[in-house]
Protein backbone atom coordinates (compact mmCIF):
# COMPACT_ATOMS: atom_id res chain seq x y z
CA MET A 1 1.40 4.47 -15.36
CA LEU A 2 1.27 3.87 -11.41
CA LEU A 3 -2.54 3.75 -10.33
CA SER A 4 -4.18 3.72 -7.00
CA VAL A 5 -8.02 3.44 -7.14
CA VAL A 6 -10.32 4.11 -4.59
CA VAL A 7 -13.82 2.62 -4.78
CA ALA A 8 -16.88 3.84 -2.69
CA VAL A 9 -19.06 1.02 -1.48
CA ARG A 10 -22.44 1.45 0.32
CA PRO A 11 -23.63 -1.77 2.30
CA VAL A 12 -27.32 -2.66 1.17
CA ALA A 13 -27.94 -4.35 4.34
CA PRO A 14 -25.77 -4.38 7.80
CA ALA A 15 -23.57 -7.14 8.67
CA TRP A 16 -20.52 -8.15 10.97
CA LEU A 17 -17.64 -9.11 8.72
CA PRO A 18 -14.05 -10.67 9.70
CA PRO A 19 -11.61 -8.08 10.91
CA ALA A 20 -9.16 -8.89 8.18
CA LEU A 21 -10.67 -8.69 4.73
CA GLY A 22 -7.74 -9.08 2.23
CA ARG A 23 -8.66 -12.07 0.61
CA ALA A 24 -11.85 -10.95 0.01
CA THR A 25 -10.53 -7.74 -1.61
CA HIS A 26 -7.82 -9.89 -3.60
CA ALA A 27 -10.74 -12.05 -4.97
CA ILE A 28 -12.84 -8.80 -5.96
CA PHE A 29 -9.80 -7.38 -7.69
CA LEU A 30 -9.17 -10.33 -9.67
CA ASP A 31 -12.73 -10.89 -10.84
CA TRP A 32 -12.95 -7.33 -12.01
CA VAL A 33 -10.03 -8.28 -14.28
CA ARG A 34 -11.16 -11.59 -15.26
CA ALA A 35 -14.43 -10.01 -16.39
CA VAL A 36 -12.62 -8.06 -19.37
CA ALA A 37 -9.10 -9.95 -19.44
CA PRO A 38 -9.26 -13.69 -18.24
CA ALA A 39 -5.82 -14.54 -19.57
CA GLU A 40 -4.36 -11.52 -17.61
CA ALA A 41 -6.24 -12.23 -14.20
CA ALA A 42 -4.95 -15.86 -14.35
CA ALA A 43 -1.29 -14.60 -14.83
CA LEU A 44 -1.72 -12.26 -11.96
CA HIS A 45 -3.07 -15.01 -9.87
CA THR A 46 -0.17 -17.19 -10.41
CA THR A 47 2.77 -14.95 -10.66
CA GLU A 48 5.40 -15.38 -8.06
CA PRO A 49 6.58 -14.18 -5.99
CA LEU A 50 6.09 -10.58 -6.69
CA LYS A 51 2.57 -9.21 -7.88
CA PRO A 52 2.39 -5.85 -9.34
CA PHE A 53 -0.79 -4.85 -7.51
CA THR A 54 -2.27 -4.53 -3.97
CA THR A 55 -5.73 -4.48 -2.76
CA GLY A 56 -7.46 -3.84 0.70
CA LEU A 57 -10.39 -2.30 2.69
CA LEU A 58 -9.34 1.01 4.11
CA GLU A 59 -11.87 0.35 7.39
CA GLU A 60 -11.54 -3.12 8.10
CA GLY A 61 -11.58 -4.02 11.77
CA VAL A 62 -8.14 -4.98 12.15
CA ARG A 63 -6.92 -1.58 11.82
CA ALA A 64 -8.78 -0.61 14.89
CA ASP A 65 -7.60 -4.04 16.93
CA VAL A 66 -11.30 -5.09 16.86
CA ALA A 67 -13.21 -8.63 16.89
CA GLY A 68 -14.80 -7.73 13.33
CA THR A 69 -15.48 -5.12 10.69
CA PRO A 70 -18.90 -3.68 11.01
CA TRP A 71 -20.70 -3.39 7.39
CA ARG A 72 -23.20 -0.67 8.06
CA SER A 73 -25.89 0.70 5.38
CA ASP A 74 -25.40 4.29 6.96
CA ARG A 75 -21.91 4.71 5.84
CA LEU A 76 -19.42 4.35 3.14
CA TYR A 77 -16.62 1.88 2.83
CA HIS A 78 -13.63 1.93 0.49
CA LEU A 79 -12.00 -0.60 -1.36
CA ARG A 80 -8.12 0.26 -2.45
CA PHE A 81 -6.46 -1.28 -5.49
CA THR A 82 -3.13 -0.28 -6.85
CA SER A 83 -1.01 -1.13 -10.01
CA PHE A 84 2.78 -0.40 -10.35
CA SER A 85 2.80 -2.24 -13.56
CA PRO A 86 2.35 0.17 -16.65
CA GLU A 87 0.45 -2.83 -18.56
CA LEU A 88 -1.80 -3.73 -15.67
CA SER A 89 -2.64 0.17 -14.95
CA ALA A 90 -3.44 0.56 -18.78
CA LEU A 91 -5.63 -2.56 -18.64
CA LEU A 92 -7.57 -1.20 -15.45
CA ARG A 93 -7.82 2.43 -16.99
CA GLU A 94 -8.92 1.56 -20.25
CA ARG A 95 -10.91 -1.45 -20.03
CA VAL A 96 -12.20 -2.30 -15.97
CA LEU A 97 -12.70 1.18 -14.51
CA PRO A 98 -15.04 2.85 -17.43
CA ALA A 99 -17.23 0.36 -16.50
CA PRO A 100 -17.17 -1.29 -12.89
CA PRO A 101 -19.61 -3.62 -11.48
CA GLU A 102 -22.45 -2.19 -9.69
CA ARG A 103 -22.45 -4.42 -6.84
CA VAL A 104 -19.66 -6.17 -4.91
CA ARG A 105 -19.53 -8.75 -2.30
CA VAL A 106 -17.12 -8.51 0.80
CA GLU A 107 -17.47 -11.97 2.44
CA GLN A 108 -20.91 -12.21 3.65
CA GLY A 109 -21.61 -8.50 3.04
CA GLU A 110 -23.09 -7.07 -0.29
CA GLY A 111 -22.65 -3.13 -1.04
CA VAL A 112 -23.47 -0.86 -4.10
CA VAL A 113 -20.65 0.99 -5.96
CA GLU A 114 -21.34 4.51 -5.54
CA ALA A 115 -18.12 6.20 -6.89
CA VAL A 116 -14.84 5.23 -8.11
CA TYR A 117 -11.73 7.57 -7.44
CA THR A 118 -8.28 7.68 -9.32
CA ALA A 119 -7.11 11.40 -8.52
CA ALA A 120 -5.77 12.44 -5.18
CA THR A 121 -8.22 15.58 -5.03
CA GLU A 122 -10.97 12.86 -5.05
CA HIS A 123 -9.75 10.59 -2.20
CA PRO A 124 -6.51 10.90 -0.27
CA TRP A 125 -5.53 7.12 -1.15
CA ALA A 126 -6.07 7.56 -4.69
CA GLY A 127 -3.62 9.03 -7.40
CA GLU A 128 -1.82 8.06 -10.44
CA THR A 129 1.93 9.04 -11.69
CA SER A 130 4.47 7.51 -13.82
CA TYR A 131 7.93 6.13 -13.48
CA ASP A 132 9.06 8.90 -15.43
CA ASP A 133 7.68 11.63 -13.37
CA LEU A 134 9.14 10.11 -9.99
CA VAL A 135 12.35 9.83 -11.72
CA ARG A 136 12.08 13.70 -12.71
CA GLU A 137 11.04 14.60 -9.40
CA HIS A 138 13.32 12.78 -7.40
CA LEU A 139 16.55 11.24 -8.93
CA LEU A 140 17.00 14.26 -11.22
CA ALA A 141 15.96 16.91 -8.84
CA VAL A 142 17.81 19.82 -8.63
CA ARG A 143 16.86 20.60 -4.94
CA PRO A 144 18.66 18.58 -1.98
CA ALA A 145 17.30 15.06 -1.09
CA PRO A 146 15.58 15.02 2.16
CA ARG A 147 17.59 14.14 5.05
CA ARG A 148 14.44 12.88 7.17
CA LEU A 149 12.02 10.09 5.59
CA VAL A 150 8.84 9.45 7.23
CA LEU A 151 6.30 6.82 6.60
CA GLY A 152 2.90 6.16 7.81
CA PHE A 153 1.82 2.30 7.89
CA ASP A 154 -2.01 2.34 7.48
CA ALA A 155 -2.33 -1.53 7.68
CA PRO A 156 -0.48 -4.50 9.36
CA THR A 157 2.97 -4.75 8.09
CA THR A 158 5.31 -7.50 8.46
CA PHE A 159 8.35 -9.09 6.33
CA ARG A 160 9.51 -12.49 5.58
CA VAL A 161 13.09 -13.04 6.49
CA ALA A 162 14.57 -16.72 5.99
CA GLY A 163 11.53 -18.21 6.77
CA ARG A 164 10.20 -16.04 9.51
CA HIS A 165 8.37 -12.62 9.74
CA VAL A 166 9.84 -9.57 11.26
CA PRO A 167 6.96 -7.16 12.28
CA LEU A 168 9.52 -4.05 12.71
CA PRO A 169 10.23 -1.48 9.99
CA LEU A 170 13.97 -1.79 9.73
CA PRO A 171 15.49 0.23 7.19
CA GLU A 172 16.95 -2.33 5.16
CA LEU A 173 13.59 -4.34 5.45
CA VAL A 174 11.49 -1.51 4.45
CA TYR A 175 13.63 -0.14 1.75
CA GLY A 176 14.66 -3.43 0.52
CA SER A 177 11.44 -4.51 -0.15
CA LEU A 178 10.68 -1.33 -2.18
CA LEU A 179 13.74 -1.58 -4.04
CA GLU A 180 12.80 -5.24 -5.15
CA ARG A 181 9.53 -4.08 -6.29
CA TRP A 182 10.84 -1.06 -8.22
CA ASN A 183 13.46 -2.94 -9.89
CA ALA A 184 11.20 -5.54 -11.30
CA TRP A 185 8.68 -2.98 -13.08
CA ALA A 186 10.35 0.44 -13.32
CA PRO A 187 12.22 1.22 -16.56
CA VAL A 188 15.29 2.49 -14.59
CA ARG A 189 16.63 0.19 -12.15
CA LEU A 190 18.16 1.53 -9.01
CA GLU A 191 21.51 -0.27 -7.43
CA GLU A 192 21.17 -3.64 -5.79
CA SER A 193 23.48 -1.98 -2.90
CA VAL A 194 20.69 0.38 -1.81
CA ARG A 195 19.33 -2.20 0.77
CA ALA A 196 22.56 -2.60 2.55
CA ARG A 197 23.53 1.03 2.39
CA ALA A 198 20.06 2.14 3.67
CA ALA A 199 20.91 -0.02 6.94
CA ARG A 200 24.03 1.84 7.38
CA ALA A 201 22.93 5.44 6.48
CA LEU A 202 19.50 5.71 8.13
CA ALA A 203 18.65 5.29 11.91
CA VAL A 204 14.99 5.11 13.36
CA ALA A 205 14.67 8.63 14.67
CA TYR A 206 11.21 8.34 15.90
CA HIS A 207 8.11 6.01 15.85
CA ARG A 208 4.87 5.44 17.11
CA LEU A 209 3.75 1.95 16.27
CA GLN A 210 1.15 -0.49 17.55
CA SER A 211 0.90 -4.48 17.00
CA ARG A 212 -1.89 -5.94 15.23
CA HIS A 213 -2.85 -9.71 14.80
CA VAL A 214 -4.00 -10.64 11.27
CA ARG A 215 -5.88 -14.31 10.73
CA PHE A 216 -5.78 -15.63 7.42
CA ALA A 217 -7.42 -18.86 6.39
CA ASP A 218 -3.91 -20.74 6.19
CA SER A 219 -1.74 -18.90 8.74
CA GLN A 220 -1.65 -16.07 11.32
CA GLN A 221 0.70 -13.01 11.50
CA VAL A 222 1.63 -10.01 13.72
CA GLY A 223 2.15 -7.09 12.12
CA PHE A 224 2.89 -3.31 12.81
CA MET A 225 1.06 -0.04 12.19
CA GLY A 226 1.57 3.58 12.80
CA GLN A 227 4.30 6.29 12.17
CA CYS A 228 8.28 5.86 11.73
CA ALA A 229 10.58 8.46 10.92
CA TYR A 230 14.13 7.68 9.55
CA ALA A 231 17.04 10.22 10.29
CA VAL A 232 20.18 10.16 7.60
CA VAL A 233 23.34 9.62 9.48
CA GLU A 234 25.57 9.50 6.35
CA ASN A 235 25.80 12.28 3.75
CA ASP A 236 25.35 10.06 0.52
CA SER A 237 23.59 12.14 -2.05
CA ASP A 238 23.48 9.73 -4.48
CA LEU A 239 21.85 6.96 -1.86
CA LEU A 240 19.61 9.79 -0.50
CA ARG A 241 18.13 10.21 -3.93
CA GLN A 242 17.55 6.62 -4.49
CA LEU A 243 15.57 6.43 -0.93
CA GLY A 244 13.41 9.66 -1.96
CA VAL A 245 12.29 7.84 -5.01
CA LEU A 246 11.32 4.60 -3.19
CA THR A 247 9.67 6.73 -0.66
CA ALA A 248 7.44 8.03 -3.01
CA PHE A 249 6.72 4.78 -4.65
CA ALA A 250 5.67 3.17 -1.57
CA PHE A 251 2.26 4.88 -2.11
CA TRP A 252 1.28 2.78 -4.89
CA SER A 253 3.62 -0.49 -4.15
CA GLY A 254 3.03 -1.07 -0.47
CA VAL A 255 5.71 -2.84 1.31
CA GLY A 256 6.33 -6.35 2.82
CA HIS A 257 4.54 -9.35 2.89
CA ARG A 258 1.03 -10.12 1.34
CA THR A 259 0.65 -6.83 -0.15
CA THR A 260 -2.18 -8.19 -2.71
CA MET A 261 -4.21 -9.14 0.52
CA GLY A 262 -4.35 -6.00 2.54
CA LEU A 263 -1.35 -6.01 4.37
CA GLY A 264 1.65 -3.34 3.84
CA ARG A 265 -0.35 -0.16 2.96
CA LEU A 266 1.60 2.68 3.73
CA ARG A 267 2.33 6.32 2.36
CA PRO A 268 5.01 8.98 2.74
CA LEU A 269 4.47 11.52 5.66
CA PRO A 270 5.58 15.24 6.03
CA ALA A 271 9.19 15.19 7.01
CA ARG A 272 8.54 17.50 10.07
CA LEU A 273 7.01 15.85 12.66
CA ALA A 274 5.20 17.16 15.86
CA PRO A 275 5.80 16.28 19.26
CA ALA A 276 4.06 12.91 19.98
CA ARG A 277 1.12 14.43 21.52
CA GLN A 278 0.31 16.55 18.87
CA LEU A 279 0.95 14.05 16.13
CA PRO A 280 -2.01 13.47 13.73
CA SER A 281 -3.14 10.00 13.06
CA ALA A 282 -1.92 8.24 10.09
CA HIS A 283 -5.21 6.89 9.86
CA ALA A 284 -7.88 9.16 7.92
CA SER A 285 -11.60 8.69 8.89
CA TYR A 286 -13.97 8.17 5.83
CA ARG A 287 -17.59 8.57 5.41
């Protein structure tokens, strides 16, 4: 099972929080797991380099490029946790989510948990599926694979390459990162050549991107956010199906560096993009 959980939180008192809250959401997630499965939480904390989960706060201030995150008691905020390990997803479903904590602390802000969403009908960033369903829908589908792939990057995203950060959605970096996560946990492996083939077969056809600066306790990074469309320039149906399943998988896995601390959140967008002045925002407004 692949699981995306959205937790609605209402602040008990107003506060002004840091703009980037990935470390706080990471700590909340591990605390929730630790409360029911200490050994599993310890393993998640030490697993390197890939971890089978992501965390983030959908409304953190870095998304809007502001100096902080307002924590207002007259609105809801939304924590998002995902799991793409079947074992971790089962633990969350069976032992964590049935009785979540009544309150959470995000840095110096405290909030009451008002709802937990796991279905796409409940919240656009929630949802669950399985690797088998993704394989049937994309790898084994009878219909032709899409020749245009569009991704909406909803949180700052960057890639670590040869010791340096690359804040650009280059096809080989995006799909190479997705391939690495898929092959680490999916029961059906994809070809390792997908990374190099994506570099040849995909071209950036359109983008609307903005830079975002993210400050962690131990480092600073610049990432990008926005929308990017990739056009297929080589007719390779086998590759297109593998890229299609990775594109769908991105909703749960995230992409790039520090996805467990709020970076790299993304989702597939409709393939037919409108002119730039008519494009809908990649970011939803939550109340």
